């Protein structure tokens, strides 16, 4: 669409710098409040836009795409994950889909390492004690956690984020192990001092910490199911900053309650905001509100990638971050 000023609809509030730049480049319709669009609102947005800019909170399935009409030509997702978009149906309808890979790698890896430290050291109970004002002073046996250095970290999914976690973990003296769909090149394994496990079962049964860093796909749904979670050592902890659907949340909650798993640090949940209420009651978990990638710098860089994808498309070229079938 060279020469045209595209009609762009954004489904959530974005950083001011991103919204300002969009207003300069496109005929953009911005969200006045930060509430997710209803299904009816999404349908209307898809009918009047050349480009839709959704986020992970917008489920764009086949039924919704069927109501989009012929105007919509690009779904420029604000975020790296795209499992909330039916990419195959969009492709069939001649609608391109783009995402923003690589932007949030370092931020998410920072959050993963933070959760590992908080869970292993039991910092949540200490922070709660200080907030309550009931701390009575130091004791040699109070609130003892576990040393991180020397422990075995098993990374499930050694992509950009998993590799970034490994680099950080090495600095803390952790032993790096990983399971991945494809084994890394020997030079990368050597750089990370990482041990590959072909069998996920064997890996998780030997780890002190398991970090989930793989995407949600049909093949990874409940990859850590009840059977596999039972393979973890009772002293092991689980950290998930990737996708909640990879872990059977109910099974994890039961095992945390009974002491079959020592602790967990979670930033994502199987059913979004509908978190198992028993999980909230546990003292051996640290729960975050999906803030692993929540930095000002990261959110702005994500918006800049969205703008580049739209601008490239407007100039008649393929978006640089177009989602292609091989990525599914």
Protein backbone atom coordinates (compact mmCIF):
# COMPACT_ATOMS: atom_id res chain seq x y z
CA UNK A 1 0.00 0.00 0.00
CA UNK A 2 2.69 2.53 -0.92
CA UNK A 3 1.67 6.16 -0.63
CA UNK A 4 -1.38 5.47 1.52
CA UNK A 5 -1.74 6.45 5.15
CA UNK A 6 -2.98 3.27 6.73
CA UNK A 7 -5.88 3.01 9.12
CA UNK A 8 -4.49 1.45 12.31
CA UNK A 9 -6.48 0.38 15.37
CA UNK A 10 -4.62 -0.28 18.65
CA UNK A 11 -6.42 -2.46 21.20
CA UNK A 12 -4.63 -1.36 24.42
CA UNK A 13 -2.88 1.74 25.75
CA UNK A 14 0.78 1.85 24.73
CA UNK A 15 3.68 4.00 26.02
CA UNK A 16 3.13 7.66 25.16
CA UNK A 17 6.21 7.81 22.93
CA UNK A 18 4.89 4.92 20.84
CA UNK A 19 1.39 6.37 20.53
CA UNK A 20 2.82 9.77 19.52
CA UNK A 21 4.92 8.24 16.76
CA UNK A 22 1.96 6.22 15.49
CA UNK A 23 -0.14 9.37 15.27
CA UNK A 24 2.56 10.96 13.13
CA UNK A 25 2.74 8.05 10.69
CA UNK A 26 -0.74 6.54 10.45
CA UNK A 27 -4.44 7.27 10.75
CA UNK A 28 -4.39 5.65 14.14
CA UNK A 29 -7.24 4.95 16.52
CA UNK A 30 -5.91 4.68 20.07
CA UNK A 31 -7.56 3.14 23.08
CA UNK A 32 -8.90 5.71 25.56
CA UNK A 33 -8.75 3.36 28.53
CA UNK A 34 -6.56 0.34 29.22
CA UNK A 35 -9.31 -2.26 29.49
CA UNK A 36 -9.11 -5.15 27.00
CA UNK A 37 -11.52 -4.89 24.08
CA UNK A 38 -14.61 -7.05 24.18
CA UNK A 39 -15.17 -9.53 21.38
CA UNK A 40 -17.69 -7.17 19.82
CA UNK A 41 -15.22 -4.28 19.98
CA UNK A 42 -12.51 -6.43 18.39
CA UNK A 43 -14.89 -7.40 15.59
CA UNK A 44 -15.63 -3.74 14.86
CA UNK A 45 -11.95 -2.82 15.00
CA UNK A 46 -11.04 -5.56 12.52
CA UNK A 47 -13.72 -4.37 10.10
CA UNK A 48 -12.58 -0.75 9.99
CA UNK A 49 -8.80 -1.17 10.14
CA UNK A 50 -6.15 -1.85 7.52
CA UNK A 51 -3.91 -2.86 10.41
CA UNK A 52 -4.87 -4.18 13.84
CA UNK A 53 -2.36 -3.88 16.70
CA UNK A 54 -3.46 -6.40 19.35
CA UNK A 55 -1.75 -7.72 22.48
CA UNK A 56 -1.69 -11.05 24.28
CA UNK A 57 -5.00 -10.17 25.96
CA UNK A 58 -6.82 -10.29 22.60
CA UNK A 59 -7.90 -13.74 21.43
CA UNK A 60 -8.14 -13.61 17.65
CA UNK A 61 -9.56 -16.95 16.61
CA UNK A 62 -11.08 -18.31 13.41
CA UNK A 63 -14.57 -17.11 14.34
CA UNK A 64 -13.38 -13.56 14.87
CA UNK A 65 -11.33 -13.56 11.67
CA UNK A 66 -14.37 -14.73 9.72
CA UNK A 67 -16.08 -11.45 10.67
CA UNK A 68 -13.14 -9.23 9.74
CA UNK A 69 -14.24 -8.34 6.23
CA UNK A 70 -11.84 -7.52 3.41
CA UNK A 71 -10.22 -4.32 4.71
CA UNK A 72 -7.89 -5.88 7.29
CA UNK A 73 -4.53 -6.82 5.74
CA UNK A 74 -2.09 -6.95 8.68
CA UNK A 75 -2.24 -7.98 12.32
CA UNK A 76 0.86 -6.32 13.82
CA UNK A 77 1.01 -7.97 17.22
CA UNK A 78 2.45 -5.95 20.11
CA UNK A 79 4.52 -8.73 21.67
CA UNK A 80 6.63 -11.73 20.74
CA UNK A 81 4.09 -14.45 21.54
CA UNK A 82 1.39 -15.10 18.97
CA UNK A 83 -0.44 -18.18 20.28
CA UNK A 84 -3.50 -15.96 20.87
CA UNK A 85 -3.80 -15.44 17.11
CA UNK A 86 -5.03 -18.10 14.66
CA UNK A 87 -2.18 -17.47 12.21
CA UNK A 88 -3.21 -20.26 9.83
CA UNK A 89 -6.74 -18.89 9.38
CA UNK A 90 -5.39 -15.36 9.00
CA UNK A 91 -3.06 -16.59 6.27
CA UNK A 92 -5.95 -18.30 4.47
CA UNK A 93 -7.83 -15.02 4.49
CA UNK A 94 -4.85 -13.12 3.08
CA UNK A 95 -4.04 -11.36 6.38
CA UNK A 96 -0.39 -11.12 7.36
CA UNK A 97 0.67 -11.49 10.99
CA UNK A 98 3.80 -9.97 12.53
CA UNK A 99 5.26 -10.01 16.03
CA UNK A 100 8.14 -8.43 17.95
CA UNK A 101 10.77 -11.11 18.72
CA UNK A 102 13.95 -10.52 20.66
CA UNK A 103 12.97 -7.24 22.29
CA UNK A 104 12.13 -8.58 25.74
CA UNK A 105 14.78 -11.29 26.02
CA UNK A 106 17.00 -9.58 28.59
CA UNK A 107 14.12 -8.25 30.70
CA UNK A 108 12.45 -11.66 30.93
CA UNK A 109 15.76 -13.35 31.74
CA UNK A 110 16.29 -10.82 34.55
CA UNK A 111 12.86 -11.66 35.95
CA UNK A 112 13.54 -15.39 35.72
CA UNK A 113 16.76 -15.04 37.67
CA UNK A 114 15.01 -12.85 40.24
CA UNK A 115 12.34 -15.49 40.81
CA UNK A 116 14.98 -18.19 41.19
CA UNK A 117 16.68 -16.13 43.90
CA UNK A 118 13.47 -15.20 45.70
CA UNK A 119 12.17 -18.76 45.80
CA UNK A 120 15.48 -20.43 46.69
CA UNK A 121 16.29 -17.92 49.43
CA UNK A 122 12.74 -17.58 50.76
CA UNK A 123 12.82 -13.81 50.39
CA UNK A 124 9.03 -13.54 50.16
CA UNK A 125 8.53 -14.50 53.82
CA UNK A 126 11.22 -12.03 54.86
CA UNK A 127 9.69 -9.22 52.84
CA UNK A 128 6.24 -9.98 54.27
CA UNK A 129 7.66 -9.94 57.79
CA UNK A 130 9.24 -6.53 57.28
CA UNK A 131 6.06 -5.10 55.75
CA UNK A 132 4.07 -6.32 58.75
CA UNK A 133 6.35 -4.50 61.19
CA UNK A 134 6.75 -7.63 63.33
CA UNK A 135 10.46 -8.29 62.86
CA UNK A 136 12.11 -8.74 66.25
CA UNK A 137 15.70 -9.01 65.07
CA UNK A 138 18.22 -11.41 63.63
CA UNK A 139 18.40 -15.07 64.58
CA UNK A 140 20.90 -17.69 63.35
CA UNK A 141 18.13 -20.19 62.55
CA UNK A 142 15.37 -17.90 61.26
CA UNK A 143 14.08 -17.85 57.67
CA UNK A 144 16.82 -20.04 56.21
CA UNK A 145 16.78 -20.50 52.46
CA UNK A 146 19.10 -22.45 50.18
CA UNK A 147 22.39 -21.46 48.55
CA UNK A 148 22.03 -20.97 44.80
CA UNK A 149 25.63 -21.57 43.76
CA UNK A 150 26.41 -25.18 42.85
CA UNK A 151 22.79 -26.15 42.23
CA UNK A 152 21.60 -27.74 38.98
CA UNK A 153 19.40 -25.56 36.77
CA UNK A 154 17.37 -27.32 34.08
CA UNK A 155 16.17 -24.96 31.35
CA UNK A 156 13.17 -26.10 29.35
CA UNK A 157 13.49 -24.26 26.04
CA UNK A 158 16.93 -22.95 25.12
CA UNK A 159 15.96 -20.17 22.72
CA UNK A 160 16.82 -16.50 23.13
CA UNK A 161 15.42 -16.20 26.64
CA UNK A 162 16.61 -19.60 27.84
CA UNK A 163 20.13 -18.81 26.67
CA UNK A 164 20.00 -15.40 28.38
CA UNK A 165 18.90 -17.12 31.60
CA UNK A 166 21.81 -19.55 31.27
CA UNK A 167 24.32 -16.70 30.96
CA UNK A 168 23.00 -15.06 34.11
CA UNK A 169 22.80 -18.35 36.00
CA UNK A 170 26.43 -19.17 35.26
CA UNK A 171 27.45 -15.95 36.99
CA UNK A 172 25.66 -17.20 40.11
CA UNK A 173 27.54 -20.50 40.01
CA UNK A 174 24.66 -22.65 38.79
CA UNK A 175 25.29 -25.75 36.71
CA UNK A 176 23.45 -25.37 33.38
CA UNK A 177 21.40 -28.18 31.88
CA UNK A 178 18.78 -27.92 29.16
CA UNK A 179 16.16 -29.72 27.09
CA UNK A 180 15.23 -28.30 23.72
CA UNK A 181 13.42 -29.36 20.58
CA UNK A 182 16.78 -29.21 18.81
CA UNK A 183 20.19 -29.53 20.38
CA UNK A 184 22.29 -26.37 20.30
CA UNK A 185 25.46 -26.13 18.26
CA UNK A 186 28.49 -27.47 20.08
CA UNK A 187 30.09 -24.01 20.20
CA UNK A 188 27.05 -22.55 22.00
CA UNK A 189 26.98 -25.43 24.48
CA UNK A 190 30.64 -24.79 25.18
CA UNK A 191 30.05 -21.05 25.61
CA UNK A 192 27.23 -21.64 28.08
CA UNK A 193 28.89 -24.69 29.65
CA UNK A 194 25.51 -26.36 29.14
CA UNK A 195 24.64 -30.07 29.24
CA UNK A 196 21.96 -31.28 26.81
CA UNK A 197 19.34 -33.80 27.89
CA UNK A 198 17.45 -35.56 25.12
CA UNK A 199 15.02 -36.96 27.69
CA UNK A 200 13.00 -34.31 29.52
CA UNK A 201 11.95 -36.90 32.10
CA UNK A 202 15.54 -37.67 32.99
CA UNK A 203 16.47 -34.01 33.17
CA UNK A 204 13.69 -32.84 35.48
CA UNK A 205 14.25 -35.76 37.85
CA UNK A 206 17.82 -34.62 38.49
CA UNK A 207 17.46 -30.84 38.72
CA UNK A 208 17.35 -28.57 41.76
CA UNK A 209 15.66 -25.81 39.74
CA UNK A 210 13.57 -26.09 36.57
CA UNK A 211 12.99 -22.94 34.50
CA UNK A 212 10.26 -22.96 31.86
CA UNK A 213 11.32 -20.84 28.87
CA UNK A 214 9.56 -22.49 25.93
CA UNK A 215 6.58 -21.11 23.97
CA UNK A 216 3.04 -22.45 24.20
CA UNK A 217 2.23 -24.66 21.22
CA UNK A 218 0.00 -27.74 20.88
CA UNK A 219 3.08 -29.88 21.55
CA UNK A 220 4.06 -28.00 24.73
CA UNK A 221 0.60 -27.83 26.33
CA UNK A 222 0.96 -29.41 29.80
CA UNK A 223 4.47 -30.50 28.89
CA UNK A 224 4.99 -30.44 32.64
CA UNK A 225 1.93 -32.52 33.49
CA UNK A 226 1.18 -34.30 36.76
CA UNK A 227 3.25 -37.36 35.81
CA UNK A 228 6.30 -35.31 34.88
CA UNK A 229 6.00 -32.97 37.86
CA UNK A 230 6.13 -36.03 40.13
CA UNK A 231 9.59 -36.74 38.75
CA UNK A 232 10.95 -33.58 40.39
CA UNK A 233 12.86 -33.97 43.63
CA UNK A 234 10.92 -32.84 46.74
CA UNK A 235 13.65 -30.20 47.24
CA UNK A 236 13.29 -28.84 43.69
CA UNK A 237 11.70 -25.54 42.69
CA UNK A 238 9.94 -24.57 39.46
CA UNK A 239 10.07 -21.15 37.81
CA UNK A 240 7.86 -20.18 34.86
CA UNK A 241 8.16 -16.85 33.02
CA UNK A 242 7.09 -18.21 29.63
CA UNK A 243 3.53 -19.50 29.20
CA UNK A 244 1.20 -20.80 31.89
CA UNK A 245 -0.28 -23.49 29.65
CA UNK A 246 3.02 -25.40 29.64
CA UNK A 247 2.45 -26.41 33.29
CA UNK A 248 -0.53 -28.26 34.74
CA UNK A 249 -1.36 -25.60 37.32
CA UNK A 250 -3.75 -27.72 39.38
CA UNK A 251 -1.24 -30.55 39.65
CA UNK A 252 1.52 -28.09 40.57
CA UNK A 253 -0.67 -26.53 43.27
CA UNK A 254 -1.47 -29.92 44.80
CA UNK A 255 2.20 -30.89 44.91
CA UNK A 256 3.27 -27.57 46.41
CA UNK A 257 0.63 -27.98 49.13
CA UNK A 258 1.76 -31.51 50.01
CA UNK A 259 5.48 -30.71 49.90
CA UNK A 260 6.21 -32.90 46.88
CA UNK A 261 7.82 -29.79 45.33
CA UNK A 262 9.67 -27.31 47.52
CA UNK A 263 8.60 -24.07 45.85
CA UNK A 264 7.65 -22.18 42.70
CA UNK A 265 8.07 -18.75 41.15
CA UNK A 266 5.38 -17.93 38.61
CA UNK A 267 4.81 -14.95 36.34
CA UNK A 268 2.30 -16.67 34.04
CA UNK A 269 -0.74 -18.83 34.68
CA UNK A 270 -2.63 -21.50 32.81
CA UNK A 271 -5.94 -19.62 32.79
CA UNK A 272 -4.74 -16.03 32.69
CA UNK A 273 -6.08 -14.01 35.62
CA UNK A 274 -8.20 -16.95 36.80
CA UNK A 275 -5.51 -18.36 39.11
CA UNK A 276 -6.12 -21.40 41.28
CA UNK A 277 -7.13 -19.78 44.62
CA UNK A 278 -5.21 -22.42 46.60
CA UNK A 279 -2.04 -21.31 44.83
CA UNK A 280 -2.46 -17.83 46.31
CA UNK A 281 -2.62 -19.27 49.82
CA UNK A 282 0.79 -20.97 49.70
CA UNK A 283 3.86 -19.57 51.44
CA UNK A 284 6.32 -21.45 49.24
CA UNK A 285 5.47 -19.60 46.03
CA UNK A 286 6.24 -16.18 44.59
CA UNK A 287 3.52 -14.93 42.25
CA UNK A 288 3.99 -12.02 39.84
CA UNK A 289 1.29 -10.38 37.66
CA UNK A 290 2.86 -11.20 34.26
CA UNK A 291 5.50 -8.52 34.68
CA UNK A 292 8.57 -10.42 33.51
CA UNK A 293 8.95 -8.16 30.49
CA UNK A 294 7.58 -5.02 32.15
CA UNK A 295 10.26 -2.39 31.66
CA UNK A 296 9.75 1.04 30.14
CA UNK A 297 12.62 0.42 27.73
CA UNK A 298 11.22 -2.91 26.61
CA UNK A 299 7.70 -1.63 26.06
CA UNK A 300 8.96 1.26 23.94
CA UNK A 301 11.23 -1.00 21.90
CA UNK A 302 8.30 -3.36 21.34
CA UNK A 303 6.26 -0.44 20.01
CA UNK A 304 9.10 0.60 17.74
CA UNK A 305 9.18 -2.89 16.25
CA UNK A 306 5.43 -2.76 15.65
CA UNK A 307 5.84 0.57 13.85
CA UNK A 308 8.64 -0.81 11.67
CA UNK A 309 6.48 -3.79 10.71
CA UNK A 310 3.55 -1.55 9.78
CA UNK A 311 5.70 1.02 7.96
CA UNK A 312 7.47 -1.68 5.93
CA UNK A 313 4.12 -3.18 4.99
CA UNK A 314 2.79 0.27 4.04
CA UNK A 315 5.78 0.70 1.73
CA UNK A 316 4.81 -2.47 -0.13
CA UNK A 317 7.25 -4.87 1.47
CA UNK A 318 7.00 -7.90 3.70
CA UNK A 319 7.12 -6.97 7.42
CA UNK A 320 10.55 -7.93 8.80
CA UNK A 321 8.95 -9.86 11.67
CA UNK A 322 6.22 -11.62 9.73
CA UNK A 323 5.11 -14.87 11.35
CA UNK A 324 5.61 -17.67 8.81
CA UNK A 325 4.34 -21.29 8.90
CA UNK A 326 7.76 -22.66 9.94
CA UNK A 327 7.43 -20.71 13.22
CA UNK A 328 4.17 -22.40 14.19
